[in-house]
Structure formats: C-alpha cells, structure tokens
Amino acid sequence: MVAHALATTPGVEVMSCQQLMPELTEKLVAVELAVFIDAAVDVPAGAIRTARVQAAASTGLGHHASPAALLALSHDIYGRSPDAFLISVGAASLEFGEALSAEVAAAVPQAIAAVQTVIGR
C-alpha cells in the first residue's frame, strides 16, 4: 500500500521485494537516496520508526540481506552506496494473509508521510 501510493511520485522509483537480495546493489549504486520500508516486530503494532541506515558488513548474505549489508556490498563492489533510511512499521502479525491488521492499516498514511519527509517532498 505504501509503495503503491508513492509509485506516482516524480523522481521516485519504487521496488517491492519479498526479501532483499544481493542483486539489488546494482540499483543502489545508481541512486542518491534509498528508502527501505519493512514490517518490524520490535516496534509496537501500527507505530512508525525512521532510522538512518549505515553500511555494515554481514556475516553472510545468502539469499537475503539487510539494508545495511546491501549498502556495504554496494560500497565494496562499486565504491559507493547511497544515503539510506529504514522506515519500520510495527506489525501486529507476520503470518501470511491478504489484509493488513487494523493497526497497520491505520498507520499507512503515517508511513507514507515518513517516506515523503525523508525524500524531502
């Protein structure tokens, strides 16, 4: 829902991923700013947390990576990585389903506003 709402923002490229893959470093090196949006269990359901992400090596990328590990990989391979932020949305449940919980659905406008603040819109 957040990605869909931001997809028409001029100058913004939106990508939806189930998990972060090392191949995304090609996209990261081409941008000045990356904003990752993810569900989080360490944030109260429906709450929003915005944090700057710094490159940090991972003990192993495997088939998925953290935003910090992707930034480090981008820097290691291409010599640069973009500024980056992580917008975390507190999840009521991480079980498979089609609908958002009431708390998360109510937080969607706040998540959109958090991304707009980070990108300066």
PDB file of N, CA and C in Angstrom:
ATOM      1  N   MET A   1       0.807  -1.195   0.000  1.00  0.00           N
ATOM      2  CA  MET A   1       0.000   0.000   0.000  1.00  0.00           C
ATOM      3  C   MET A   1       0.857   1.270   0.000  1.00  0.00           C
ATOM      4  N   VAL A   2       1.920   1.264   0.782  1.00  0.00           N
ATOM      5  CA  VAL A   2       2.802   2.431   0.822  1.00  0.00           C
ATOM      6  C   VAL A   2       3.506   2.575  -0.519  1.00  0.00           C
ATOM      7  N   ALA A   3       4.054   1.481  -1.030  1.00  0.00           N
ATOM      8  CA  ALA A   3       4.743   1.526  -2.324  1.00  0.00           C
ATOM      9  C   ALA A   3       3.804   1.998  -3.422  1.00  0.00           C
ATOM     10  N   HIS A   4       2.587   1.486  -3.430  1.00  0.00           N
ATOM     11  CA  HIS A   4       1.607   1.868  -4.447  1.00  0.00           C
ATOM     12  C   HIS A   4       1.322   3.372  -4.379  1.00  0.00           C
ATOM     13  N   ALA A   5       1.187   3.900  -3.185  1.00  0.00           N
ATOM     14  CA  ALA A   5       0.887   5.327  -3.017  1.00  0.00           C
ATOM     15  C   ALA A   5       2.041   6.209  -3.476  1.00  0.00           C
ATOM     16  N   LEU A   6       3.265   5.719  -3.347  1.00  0.00           N
ATOM     17  CA  LEU A   6       4.437   6.517  -3.711  1.00  0.00           C
ATOM     18  C   LEU A   6       4.883   6.324  -5.153  1.00  0.00           C
ATOM     19  N   ALA A   7       4.321   5.340  -5.842  1.00  0.00           N
ATOM     20  CA  ALA A   7       4.765   4.981  -7.190  1.00  0.00           C
ATOM     21  C   ALA A   7       4.616   6.107  -8.207  1.00  0.00           C
ATOM     22  N   THR A   8       3.688   7.006  -7.996  1.00  0.00           N
ATOM     23  CA  THR A   8       3.470   8.093  -8.954  1.00  0.00           C
ATOM     24  C   THR A   8       4.224   9.372  -8.583  1.00  0.00           C
ATOM     25  N   THR A   9       5.032   9.326  -7.541  1.00  0.00           N
ATOM     26  CA  THR A   9       5.805  10.494  -7.126  1.00  0.00           C
ATOM     27  C   THR A   9       6.922  10.747  -8.131  1.00  0.00           C
ATOM     28  N   PRO A  10       6.974  11.953  -8.722  1.00  0.00           N
ATOM     29  CA  PRO A  10       8.029  12.252  -9.698  1.00  0.00           C
ATOM     30  C   PRO A  10       9.427  12.080  -9.098  1.00  0.00           C
ATOM     31  N   GLY A  11      10.319  11.459  -9.858  1.00  0.00           N
ATOM     32  CA  GLY A  11      11.691  11.272  -9.416  1.00  0.00           C
ATOM     33  C   GLY A  11      11.901  10.129  -8.444  1.00  0.00           C
ATOM     34  N   VAL A  12      10.844   9.355  -8.194  1.00  0.00           N
ATOM     35  CA  VAL A  12      10.927   8.244  -7.238  1.00  0.00           C
ATOM     36  C   VAL A  12      10.713   6.934  -7.985  1.00  0.00           C
ATOM     37  N   GLU A  13      11.627   5.990  -7.787  1.00  0.00           N
ATOM     38  CA  GLU A  13      11.453   4.642  -8.328  1.00  0.00           C
ATOM     39  C   GLU A  13      11.092   3.731  -7.164  1.00  0.00           C
ATOM     40  N   VAL A  14       9.995   3.019  -7.308  1.00  0.00           N
ATOM     41  CA  VAL A  14       9.516   2.131  -6.249  1.00  0.00           C
ATOM     42  C   VAL A  14       9.754   0.686  -6.666  1.00  0.00           C
ATOM     43  N   MET A  15      10.305  -0.081  -5.754  1.00  0.00           N
ATOM     44  CA  MET A  15      10.502  -1.509  -5.966  1.00  0.00           C
ATOM     45  C   MET A  15       9.903  -2.246  -4.776  1.00  0.00           C
ATOM     46  N   SER A  16       9.116  -3.259  -5.046  1.00  0.00           N
ATOM     47  CA  SER A  16       8.579  -4.110  -3.986  1.00  0.00           C
ATOM     48  C   SER A  16       9.318  -5.438  -4.020  1.00  0.00           C
ATOM     49  N   CYS A  17       9.789  -5.861  -2.869  1.00  0.00           N
ATOM     50  CA  CYS A  17      10.538  -7.109  -2.764  1.00  0.00           C
ATOM     51  C   CYS A  17      10.064  -7.871  -1.532  1.00  0.00           C
ATOM     52  N   GLN A  18       9.960  -9.175  -1.669  1.00  0.00           N
ATOM     53  CA  GLN A  18       9.650 -10.000  -0.505  1.00  0.00           C
ATOM     54  C   GLN A  18      10.839 -10.049   0.444  1.00  0.00           C
ATOM     55  N   GLN A  19      12.026 -10.056  -0.139  1.00  0.00           N
ATOM     56  CA  GLN A  19      13.250 -10.030   0.658  1.00  0.00           C
ATOM     57  C   GLN A  19      14.329  -9.315  -0.133  1.00  0.00           C
ATOM     58  N   LEU A  20      15.286  -8.767   0.571  1.00  0.00           N
ATOM     59  CA  LEU A  20      16.372  -8.043  -0.077  1.00  0.00           C
ATOM     60  C   LEU A  20      17.415  -9.029  -0.580  1.00  0.00           C
ATOM     61  N   MET A  21      17.779  -8.861  -1.843  1.00  0.00           N
ATOM     62  CA  MET A  21      18.724  -9.769  -2.488  1.00  0.00           C
ATOM     63  C   MET A  21      20.001  -9.010  -2.839  1.00  0.00           C
ATOM     64  N   PRO A  22      21.146  -9.672  -2.835  1.00  0.00           N
ATOM     65  CA  PRO A  22      22.406  -9.010  -3.195  1.00  0.00           C
ATOM     66  C   PRO A  22      22.374  -8.335  -4.568  1.00  0.00           C
ATOM     67  N   GLU A  23      21.547  -8.845  -5.473  1.00  0.00           N
ATOM     68  CA  GLU A  23      21.452  -8.268  -6.817  1.00  0.00           C
ATOM     69  C   GLU A  23      20.944  -6.827  -6.801  1.00  0.00           C
ATOM     70  N   LEU A  24      20.330  -6.408  -5.727  1.00  0.00           N
ATOM     71  CA  LEU A  24      19.806  -5.039  -5.638  1.00  0.00           C
ATOM     72  C   LEU A  24      20.905  -3.991  -5.550  1.00  0.00           C
ATOM     73  N   THR A  25      22.143  -4.417  -5.328  1.00  0.00           N
ATOM     74  CA  THR A  25      23.233  -3.441  -5.254  1.00  0.00           C
ATOM     75  C   THR A  25      23.387  -2.661  -6.553  1.00  0.00           C
ATOM     76  N   GLU A  26      23.056  -3.275  -7.690  1.00  0.00           N
ATOM     77  CA  GLU A  26      23.113  -2.552  -8.968  1.00  0.00           C
ATOM     78  C   GLU A  26      22.179  -1.357  -8.962  1.00  0.00           C
ATOM     79  N   LYS A  27      21.011  -1.521  -8.374  1.00  0.00           N
ATOM     80  CA  LYS A  27      20.051  -0.411  -8.276  1.00  0.00           C
ATOM     81  C   LYS A  27      20.550   0.626  -7.280  1.00  0.00           C
ATOM     82  N   LEU A  28      21.099   0.169  -6.159  1.00  0.00           N
ATOM     83  CA  LEU A  28      21.538   1.092  -5.115  1.00  0.00           C
ATOM     84  C   LEU A  28      22.640   2.020  -5.583  1.00  0.00           C
ATOM     85  N   VAL A  29      23.574   1.511  -6.357  1.00  0.00           N
ATOM     86  CA  VAL A  29      24.700   2.332  -6.784  1.00  0.00           C
ATOM     87  C   VAL A  29      24.250   3.457  -7.719  1.00  0.00           C
ATOM     88  N   ALA A  30      23.096   3.306  -8.325  1.00  0.00           N
ATOM     89  CA  ALA A  30      22.611   4.289  -9.299  1.00  0.00           C
ATOM     90  C   ALA A  30      21.767   5.404  -8.674  1.00  0.00           C
ATOM     91  N   VAL A  31      21.531   5.367  -7.366  1.00  0.00           N
ATOM     92  CA  VAL A  31      20.673   6.366  -6.736  1.00  0.00           C
ATOM     93  C   VAL A  31      21.432   7.132  -5.649  1.00  0.00           C
ATOM     94  N   GLU A  32      20.917   8.303  -5.319  1.00  0.00           N
ATOM     95  CA  GLU A  32      21.498   9.125  -4.250  1.00  0.00           C
ATOM     96  C   GLU A  32      20.899   8.797  -2.886  1.00  0.00           C
ATOM     97  N   LEU A  33      19.653   8.309  -2.900  1.00  0.00           N
ATOM     98  CA  LEU A  33      18.940   8.032  -1.647  1.00  0.00           C
ATOM     99  C   LEU A  33      18.124   6.762  -1.818  1.00  0.00           C
ATOM    100  N   ALA A  34      18.195   5.882  -0.840  1.00  0.00           N
ATOM    101  CA  ALA A  34      17.376   4.668  -0.822  1.00  0.00           C
ATOM    102  C   ALA A  34      16.560   4.672   0.462  1.00  0.00           C
ATOM    103  N   VAL A  35      15.286   4.332   0.327  1.00  0.00           N
ATOM    104  CA  VAL A  35      14.411   4.228   1.489  1.00  0.00           C
ATOM    105  C   VAL A  35      13.837   2.823   1.508  1.00  0.00           C
ATOM    106  N   PHE A  36      14.126   2.102   2.567  1.00  0.00           N
ATOM    107  CA  PHE A  36      13.620   0.751   2.753  1.00  0.00           C
ATOM    108  C   PHE A  36      12.425   0.833   3.691  1.00  0.00           C
ATOM    109  N   ILE A  37      11.372   0.114   3.378  1.00  0.00           N
ATOM    110  CA  ILE A  37      10.178   0.081   4.223  1.00  0.00           C
ATOM    111  C   ILE A  37       9.932  -1.372   4.580  1.00  0.00           C
ATOM    112  N   ASP A  38       9.773  -1.636   5.874  1.00  0.00           N
ATOM    113  CA  ASP A  38       9.632  -3.025   6.296  1.00  0.00           C
ATOM    114  C   ASP A  38       8.756  -3.132   7.535  1.00  0.00           C
ATOM    115  N   ALA A  39       8.144  -4.285   7.680  1.00  0.00           N
ATOM    116  CA  ALA A  39       7.400  -4.607   8.901  1.00  0.00           C
ATOM    117  C   ALA A  39       8.414  -4.956   9.980  1.00  0.00           C
ATOM    118  N   ALA A  40       8.089  -4.615  11.211  1.00  0.00           N
ATOM    119  CA  ALA A  40       9.016  -4.871  12.318  1.00  0.00           C
ATOM    120  C   ALA A  40       8.267  -5.394  13.533  1.00  0.00           C
ATOM    121  N   VAL A  41       8.837  -6.392  14.163  1.00  0.00           N
ATOM    122  CA  VAL A  41       8.218  -6.932  15.378  1.00  0.00           C
ATOM    123  C   VAL A  41       8.746  -6.242  16.627  1.00  0.00           C
ATOM    124  N   ASP A  42       9.831  -5.464  16.498  1.00  0.00           N
ATOM    125  CA  ASP A  42      10.382  -4.762  17.655  1.00  0.00           C
ATOM    126  C   ASP A  42       9.839  -3.339  17.791  1.00  0.00           C
ATOM    127  N   VAL A  43       8.807  -3.042  17.023  1.00  0.00           N
ATOM    128  CA  VAL A  43       8.118  -1.746  17.073  1.00  0.00           C
ATOM    129  C   VAL A  43       6.659  -2.058  17.392  1.00  0.00           C
ATOM    130  N   PRO A  44       6.022  -1.302  18.290  1.00  0.00           N
ATOM    131  CA  PRO A  44       4.611  -1.580  18.597  1.00  0.00           C
ATOM    132  C   PRO A  44       3.740  -1.564  17.341  1.00  0.00           C
ATOM    133  N   ALA A  45       2.764  -2.430  17.294  1.00  0.00           N
ATOM    134  CA  ALA A  45       1.874  -2.540  16.123  1.00  0.00           C
ATOM    135  C   ALA A  45       1.307  -1.191  15.748  1.00  0.00           C
ATOM    136  N   GLY A  46       1.510  -0.813  14.492  1.00  0.00           N
ATOM    137  CA  GLY A  46       0.992   0.440  13.970  1.00  0.00           C
ATOM    138  C   GLY A  46       1.898   1.636  14.185  1.00  0.00           C
ATOM    139  N   ALA A  47       2.955   1.492  14.962  1.00  0.00           N
ATOM    140  CA  ALA A  47       3.890   2.596  15.181  1.00  0.00           C
ATOM    141  C   ALA A  47       4.885   2.653  14.020  1.00  0.00           C
ATOM    142  N   ILE A  48       5.439   3.837  13.803  1.00  0.00           N
ATOM    143  CA  ILE A  48       6.404   4.059  12.727  1.00  0.00           C
ATOM    144  C   ILE A  48       7.734   4.474  13.341  1.00  0.00           C
ATOM    145  N   ARG A  49       8.821   3.886  12.848  1.00  0.00           N
ATOM    146  CA  ARG A  49      10.160   4.280  13.289  1.00  0.00           C
ATOM    147  C   ARG A  49      10.987   4.568  12.045  1.00  0.00           C
ATOM    148  N   THR A  50      11.662   5.701  12.028  1.00  0.00           N
ATOM    149  CA  THR A  50      12.542   6.076  10.921  1.00  0.00           C
ATOM    150  C   THR A  50      13.966   6.096  11.440  1.00  0.00           C
ATOM    151  N   ALA A  51      14.863   5.423  10.737  1.00  0.00           N
ATOM    152  CA  ALA A  51      16.261   5.373  11.156  1.00  0.00           C
ATOM    153  C   ALA A  51      17.165   5.453   9.932  1.00  0.00           C
ATOM    154  N   ARG A  52      18.251   6.179  10.085  1.00  0.00           N
ATOM    155  CA  ARG A  52      19.271   6.208   9.036  1.00  0.00           C
ATOM    156  C   ARG A  52      19.957   4.854   9.031  1.00  0.00           C
ATOM    157  N   VAL A  53      20.289   4.363   7.846  1.00  0.00           N
ATOM    158  CA  VAL A  53      20.977   3.076   7.712  1.00  0.00           C
ATOM    159  C   VAL A  53      22.416   3.345   7.289  1.00  0.00           C
ATOM    160  N   GLN A  54      23.349   2.751   7.999  1.00  0.00           N
ATOM    161  CA  GLN A  54      24.768   2.846   7.669  1.00  0.00           C
ATOM    162  C   GLN A  54      25.228   1.498   7.122  1.00  0.00           C
ATOM    163  N   ALA A  55      26.151   1.534   6.192  1.00  0.00           N
ATOM    164  CA  ALA A  55      26.713   0.298   5.643  1.00  0.00           C
ATOM    165  C   ALA A  55      27.357  -0.505   6.765  1.00  0.00           C
ATOM    166  N   ALA A  56      27.049  -1.790   6.811  1.00  0.00           N
ATOM    167  CA  ALA A  56      27.634  -2.689   7.808  1.00  0.00           C
ATOM    168  C   ALA A  56      27.732  -4.074   7.194  1.00  0.00           C
ATOM    169  N   ALA A  57      28.910  -4.619   7.236  1.00  0.00           N
ATOM    170  CA  ALA A  57      29.130  -5.941   6.645  1.00  0.00           C
ATOM    171  C   ALA A  57      28.284  -6.984   7.361  1.00  0.00           C
ATOM    172  N   SER A  58      27.851  -7.942   6.597  1.00  0.00           N
ATOM    173  CA  SER A  58      27.071  -9.059   7.128  1.00  0.00           C
ATOM    174  C   SER A  58      27.968 -10.280   7.202  1.00  0.00           C
ATOM    175  N   THR A  59      27.632 -11.204   8.091  1.00  0.00           N
ATOM    176  CA  THR A  59      28.422 -12.432   8.193  1.00  0.00           C
ATOM    177  C   THR A  59      28.153 -13.360   7.026  1.00  0.00           C
ATOM    178  N   GLY A  60      27.108 -13.113   6.285  1.00  0.00           N
ATOM    179  CA  GLY A  60      26.801 -13.920   5.109  1.00  0.00           C
ATOM    180  C   GLY A  60      25.529 -13.419   4.467  1.00  0.00           C
ATOM    181  N   LEU A  61      25.579 -13.119   3.181  1.00  0.00           N
ATOM    182  CA  LEU A  61      24.406 -12.573   2.500  1.00  0.00           C
ATOM    183  C   LEU A  61      23.411 -13.656   2.108  1.00  0.00           C
ATOM    184  N   GLY A  62      23.892 -14.792   1.649  1.00  0.00           N
ATOM    185  CA  GLY A  62      22.981 -15.861   1.257  1.00  0.00           C
ATOM    186  C   GLY A  62      21.938 -15.384   0.276  1.00  0.00           C
ATOM    187  N   HIS A  63      20.693 -15.775   0.507  1.00  0.00           N
ATOM    188  CA  HIS A  63      19.610 -15.416  -0.401  1.00  0.00           C
ATOM    189  C   HIS A  63      18.874 -14.157   0.029  1.00  0.00           C
ATOM    190  N   HIS A  64      19.224 -13.591   1.155  1.00  0.00           N
ATOM    191  CA  HIS A  64      18.608 -12.333   1.564  1.00  0.00           C
ATOM    192  C   HIS A  64      19.605 -11.538   2.396  1.00  0.00           C
ATOM    193  N   ALA A  65      19.390 -10.242   2.491  1.00  0.00           N
ATOM    194  CA  ALA A  65      20.329  -9.376   3.176  1.00  0.00           C
ATOM    195  C   ALA A  65      19.580  -8.267   3.900  1.00  0.00           C
ATOM    196  N   SER A  66      20.254  -7.631   4.823  1.00  0.00           N
ATOM    197  CA  SER A  66      19.697  -6.457   5.499  1.00  0.00           C
ATOM    198  C   SER A  66      20.022  -5.223   4.663  1.00  0.00           C
ATOM    199  N   PRO A  67      19.314  -4.117   4.886  1.00  0.00           N
ATOM    200  CA  PRO A  67      19.675  -2.886   4.176  1.00  0.00           C
ATOM    201  C   PRO A  67      21.138  -2.495   4.410  1.00  0.00           C
ATOM    202  N   ALA A  68      21.612  -2.624   5.650  1.00  0.00           N
ATOM    203  CA  ALA A  68      22.999  -2.260   5.963  1.00  0.00           C
ATOM    204  C   ALA A  68      23.989  -3.132   5.199  1.00  0.00           C
ATOM    205  N   ALA A  69      23.700  -4.419   5.083  1.00  0.00           N
ATOM    206  CA  ALA A  69      24.583  -5.322   4.340  1.00  0.00           C
ATOM    207  C   ALA A  69      24.579  -4.995   2.848  1.00  0.00           C
ATOM    208  N   LEU A  70      23.415  -4.638   2.301  1.00  0.00           N
ATOM    209  CA  LEU A  70      23.359  -4.253   0.885  1.00  0.00           C
ATOM    210  C   LEU A  70      24.168  -2.989   0.624  1.00  0.00           C
ATOM    211  N   LEU A  71      24.096  -2.031   1.536  1.00  0.00           N
ATOM    212  CA  LEU A  71      24.880  -0.805   1.376  1.00  0.00           C
ATOM    213  C   LEU A  71      26.375  -1.122   1.415  1.00  0.00           C
ATOM    214  N   ALA A  72      26.776  -1.996   2.329  1.00  0.00           N
ATOM    215  CA  ALA A  72      28.189  -2.381   2.415  1.00  0.00           C
ATOM    216  C   ALA A  72      28.635  -3.091   1.142  1.00  0.00           C
ATOM    217  N   LEU A  73      27.799  -3.992   0.649  1.00  0.00           N
ATOM    218  CA  LEU A  73      28.130  -4.716  -0.582  1.00  0.00           C
ATOM    219  C   LEU A  73      28.235  -3.754  -1.761  1.00  0.00           C
ATOM    220  N   SER A  74      27.320  -2.803  -1.840  1.00  0.00           N
ATOM    221  CA  SER A  74      27.364  -1.799  -2.905  1.00  0.00           C
ATOM    222  C   SER A  74      28.673  -1.018  -2.847  1.00  0.00           C
ATOM    223  N   HIS A  75      29.058  -0.640  -1.641  1.00  0.00           N
ATOM    224  CA  HIS A  75      30.311   0.102  -1.486  1.00  0.00           C
ATOM    225  C   HIS A  75      31.509  -0.771  -1.842  1.00  0.00           C
ATOM    226  N   ASP A  76      31.492  -2.023  -1.427  1.00  0.00           N
ATOM    227  CA  ASP A  76      32.611  -2.921  -1.713  1.00  0.00           C
ATOM    228  C   ASP A  76      32.761  -3.181  -3.213  1.00  0.00           C
ATOM    229  N   ILE A  77      31.653  -3.363  -3.908  1.00  0.00           N
ATOM    230  CA  ILE A  77      31.709  -3.707  -5.334  1.00  0.00           C
ATOM    231  C   ILE A  77      31.892  -2.479  -6.217  1.00  0.00           C
ATOM    232  N   TYR A  78      31.116  -1.419  -5.924  1.00  0.00           N
ATOM    233  CA  TYR A  78      31.076  -0.268  -6.818  1.00  0.00           C
ATOM    234  C   TYR A  78      31.789   0.978  -6.276  1.00  0.00           C
ATOM    235  N   GLY A  79      32.251   0.913  -5.031  1.00  0.00           N
ATOM    236  CA  GLY A  79      32.960   2.050  -4.467  1.00  0.00           C
ATOM    237  C   GLY A  79      32.069   3.142  -3.916  1.00  0.00           C
ATOM    238  N   ARG A  80      30.758   2.902  -3.882  1.00  0.00           N
ATOM    239  CA  ARG A  80      29.842   3.898  -3.314  1.00  0.00           C
ATOM    240  C   ARG A  80      28.539   3.231  -2.912  1.00  0.00           C
ATOM    241  N   SER A  81      27.853   3.899  -2.031  1.00  0.00           N
ATOM    242  CA  SER A  81      26.498   3.487  -1.671  1.00  0.00           C
ATOM    243  C   SER A  81      25.710   4.757  -1.362  1.00  0.00           C
ATOM    244  N   PRO A  82      24.406   4.720  -1.547  1.00  0.00           N
ATOM    245  CA  PRO A  82      23.606   5.931  -1.334  1.00  0.00           C
ATOM    246  C   PRO A  82      23.341   6.190   0.145  1.00  0.00           C
ATOM    247  N   ASP A  83      22.899   7.402   0.445  1.00  0.00           N
ATOM    248  CA  ASP A  83      22.314   7.649   1.757  1.00  0.00           C
ATOM    249  C   ASP A  83      21.098   6.734   1.847  1.00  0.00           C
ATOM    250  N   ALA A  84      20.781   6.272   3.038  1.00  0.00           N
ATOM    251  CA  ALA A  84      19.660   5.338   3.151  1.00  0.00           C
ATOM    252  C   ALA A  84      18.950   5.477   4.488  1.00  0.00           C
ATOM    253  N   PHE A  85      17.654   5.194   4.441  1.00  0.00           N
ATOM    254  CA  PHE A  85      16.817   5.194   5.635  1.00  0.00           C
ATOM    255  C   PHE A  85      15.968   3.937   5.641  1.00  0.00           C
ATOM    256  N   LEU A  86      15.611   3.508   6.837  1.00  0.00           N
ATOM    257  CA  LEU A  86      14.692   2.398   7.020  1.00  0.00           C
ATOM    258  C   LEU A  86      13.463   2.922   7.749  1.00  0.00           C
ATOM    259  N   ILE A  87      12.305   2.769   7.112  1.00  0.00           N
ATOM    260  CA  ILE A  87      11.025   3.097   7.734  1.00  0.00           C
ATOM    261  C   ILE A  87      10.446   1.767   8.207  1.00  0.00           C
ATOM    262  N   SER A  88      10.360   1.592   9.505  1.00  0.00           N
ATOM    263  CA  SER A  88       9.822   0.359  10.077  1.00  0.00           C
ATOM    264  C   SER A  88       8.393   0.607  10.533  1.00  0.00           C
ATOM    265  N   VAL A  89       7.517  -0.306  10.159  1.00  0.00           N
ATOM    266  CA  VAL A  89       6.112  -0.242  10.567  1.00  0.00           C
ATOM    267  C   VAL A  89       5.880  -1.407  11.518  1.00  0.00           C
ATOM    268  N   GLY A  90       5.468  -1.101  12.728  1.00  0.00           N
ATOM    269  CA  GLY A  90       5.215  -2.150  13.713  1.00  0.00           C
ATOM    270  C   GLY A  90       4.128  -3.088  13.229  1.00  0.00           C
ATOM    271  N   ALA A  91       4.422  -4.376  13.239  1.00  0.00           N
ATOM    272  CA  ALA A  91       3.489  -5.389  12.737  1.00  0.00           C
ATOM    273  C   ALA A  91       2.752  -6.054  13.895  1.00  0.00           C
ATOM    274  N   ALA A  92       1.466  -6.245  13.710  1.00  0.00           N
ATOM    275  CA  ALA A  92       0.680  -6.984  14.697  1.00  0.00           C
ATOM    276  C   ALA A  92       0.909  -8.476  14.509  1.00  0.00           C
ATOM    277  N   SER A  93       1.146  -8.901  13.270  1.00  0.00           N
ATOM    278  CA  SER A  93       1.357 -10.312  12.957  1.00  0.00           C
ATOM    279  C   SER A  93       2.162 -10.405  11.674  1.00  0.00           C
ATOM    280  N   LEU A  94       3.055 -11.377  11.609  1.00  0.00           N
ATOM    281  CA  LEU A  94       3.820 -11.613  10.382  1.00  0.00           C
ATOM    282  C   LEU A  94       3.360 -12.880   9.674  1.00  0.00           C
ATOM    283  N   GLU A  95       2.199 -13.369  10.060  1.00  0.00           N
ATOM    284  CA  GLU A  95       1.653 -14.550   9.404  1.00  0.00           C
ATOM    285  C   GLU A  95       1.131 -14.167   8.021  1.00  0.00           C
ATOM    286  N   PHE A  96       1.088 -15.167   7.113  1.00  0.00           N
ATOM    287  CA  PHE A  96       0.596 -14.913   5.760  1.00  0.00           C
ATOM    288  C   PHE A  96      -0.877 -14.536   5.816  1.00  0.00           C
ATOM    289  N   GLY A  97      -1.242 -13.591   4.980  1.00  0.00           N
ATOM    290  CA  GLY A  97      -2.624 -13.156   4.896  1.00  0.00           C
ATOM    291  C   GLY A  97      -2.764 -12.120   3.814  1.00  0.00           C
ATOM    292  N   GLU A  98      -3.980 -11.806   3.472  1.00  0.00           N
ATOM    293  CA  GLU A  98      -4.250 -10.846   2.401  1.00  0.00           C
ATOM    294  C   GLU A  98      -4.489  -9.440   2.912  1.00  0.00           C
ATOM    295  N   ALA A  99      -4.911  -9.309   4.158  1.00  0.00           N
ATOM    296  CA  ALA A  99      -5.279  -7.998   4.686  1.00  0.00           C
ATOM    297  C   ALA A  99      -4.291  -7.551   5.763  1.00  0.00           C
ATOM    298  N   LEU A 100      -4.175  -6.249   5.904  1.00  0.00           N
ATOM    299  CA  LEU A 100      -3.366  -5.680   6.975  1.00  0.00           C
ATOM    300  C   LEU A 100      -4.180  -5.700   8.270  1.00  0.00           C
ATOM    301  N   SER A 101      -3.494  -5.773   9.387  1.00  0.00           N
ATOM    302  CA  SER A 101      -4.192  -5.639  10.660  1.00  0.00           C
ATOM    303  C   SER A 101      -4.746  -4.216  10.749  1.00  0.00           C
ATOM    304  N   ALA A 102      -5.696  -4.008  11.609  1.00  0.00           N
ATOM    305  CA  ALA A 102      -6.302  -2.673  11.777  1.00  0.00           C
ATOM    306  C   ALA A 102      -5.249  -1.634  12.165  1.00  0.00           C
ATOM    307  N   GLU A 103      -4.311  -2.023  13.045  1.00  0.00           N
ATOM    308  CA  GLU A 103      -3.272  -1.083  13.493  1.00  0.00           C
ATOM    309  C   GLU A 103      -2.358  -0.689  12.342  1.00  0.00           C
ATOM    310  N   VAL A 104      -1.970  -1.658  11.534  1.00  0.00           N
ATOM    311  CA  VAL A 104      -1.066  -1.367  10.422  1.00  0.00           C
ATOM    312  C   VAL A 104      -1.792  -0.585   9.327  1.00  0.00           C
ATOM    313  N   ALA A 105      -3.021  -0.951   9.024  1.00  0.00           N
ATOM    314  CA  ALA A 105      -3.794  -0.210   8.022  1.00  0.00           C
ATOM    315  C   ALA A 105      -3.930   1.257   8.427  1.00  0.00           C
ATOM    316  N   ALA A 106      -4.154   1.498   9.707  1.00  0.00           N
ATOM    317  CA  ALA A 106      -4.285   2.873  10.192  1.00  0.00           C
ATOM    318  C   ALA A 106      -2.958   3.629  10.110  1.00  0.00           C
ATOM    319  N   ALA A 107      -1.836   2.905  10.108  1.00  0.00           N
ATOM    320  CA  ALA A 107      -0.518   3.536  10.077  1.00  0.00           C
ATOM    321  C   ALA A 107      -0.013   3.818   8.663  1.00  0.00           C
ATOM    322  N   VAL A 108      -0.689   3.316   7.637  1.00  0.00           N
ATOM    323  CA  VAL A 108      -0.226   3.506   6.257  1.00  0.00           C
ATOM    324  C   VAL A 108      -0.027   4.989   5.925  1.00  0.00           C
ATOM    325  N   PRO A 109      -0.968   5.881   6.225  1.00  0.00           N
ATOM    326  CA  PRO A 109      -0.726   7.295   5.915  1.00  0.00           C
ATOM    327  C   PRO A 109       0.496   7.863   6.642  1.00  0.00           C
ATOM    328  N   GLN A 110       0.740   7.407   7.862  1.00  0.00           N
ATOM    329  CA  GLN A 110       1.925   7.857   8.602  1.00  0.00           C
ATOM    330  C   GLN A 110       3.205   7.340   7.950  1.00  0.00           C
ATOM    331  N   ALA A 111       3.175   6.122   7.453  1.00  0.00           N
ATOM    332  CA  ALA A 111       4.348   5.558   6.770  1.00  0.00           C
ATOM    333  C   ALA A 111       4.632   6.330   5.483  1.00  0.00           C
ATOM    334  N   ILE A 112       3.586   6.653   4.743  1.00  0.00           N
ATOM    335  CA  ILE A 112       3.746   7.449   3.518  1.00  0.00           C
ATOM    336  C   ILE A 112       4.336   8.807   3.860  1.00  0.00           C
ATOM    337  N   ALA A 113       3.825   9.441   4.906  1.00  0.00           N
ATOM    338  CA  ALA A 113       4.340  10.743   5.334  1.00  0.00           C
ATOM    339  C   ALA A 113       5.798  10.646   5.764  1.00  0.00           C
ATOM    340  N   ALA A 114       6.178   9.563   6.417  1.00  0.00           N
ATOM    341  CA  ALA A 114       7.568   9.381   6.848  1.00  0.00           C
ATOM    342  C   ALA A 114       8.491   9.293   5.640  1.00  0.00           C
ATOM    343  N   VAL A 115       8.078   8.562   4.614  1.00  0.00           N
ATOM    344  CA  VAL A 115       8.897   8.463   3.399  1.00  0.00           C
ATOM    345  C   VAL A 115       8.967   9.825   2.730  1.00  0.00           C
ATOM    346  N   GLN A 116       7.857  10.522   2.625  1.00  0.00           N
ATOM    347  CA  GLN A 116       7.870  11.854   1.999  1.00  0.00           C
ATOM    348  C   GLN A 116       8.770  12.815   2.737  1.00  0.00           C
ATOM    349  N   THR A 117       8.812  12.720   4.052  1.00  0.00           N
ATOM    350  CA  THR A 117       9.712  13.564   4.843  1.00  0.00           C
ATOM    351  C   THR A 117      11.170  13.244   4.520  1.00  0.00           C
ATOM    352  N   VAL A 118      11.500  11.975   4.464  1.00  0.00           N
ATOM    353  CA  VAL A 118      12.876  11.551   4.174  1.00  0.00           C
ATOM    354  C   VAL A 118      13.308  12.000   2.781  1.00  0.00           C
ATOM    355  N   ILE A 119      12.429  11.897   1.806  1.00  0.00           N
ATOM    356  CA  ILE A 119      12.818  12.265   0.434  1.00  0.00           C
ATOM    357  C   ILE A 119      12.623  13.756   0.161  1.00  0.00           C
ATOM    358  N   GLY A 120      12.133  14.486   1.157  1.00  0.00           N
ATOM    359  CA  GLY A 120      12.024  15.935   1.018  1.00  0.00           C
ATOM    360  C   GLY A 120      10.857  16.391   0.198  1.00  0.00           C
ATOM    361  N   ARG A 121       9.737  15.666   0.248  1.00  0.00           N
ATOM    362  CA  ARG A 121       8.549  16.045  -0.531  1.00  0.00           C
ATOM    363  C   ARG A 121       7.454  16.488   0.401  1.00  0.00           C
TER     364      ARG A 121
END
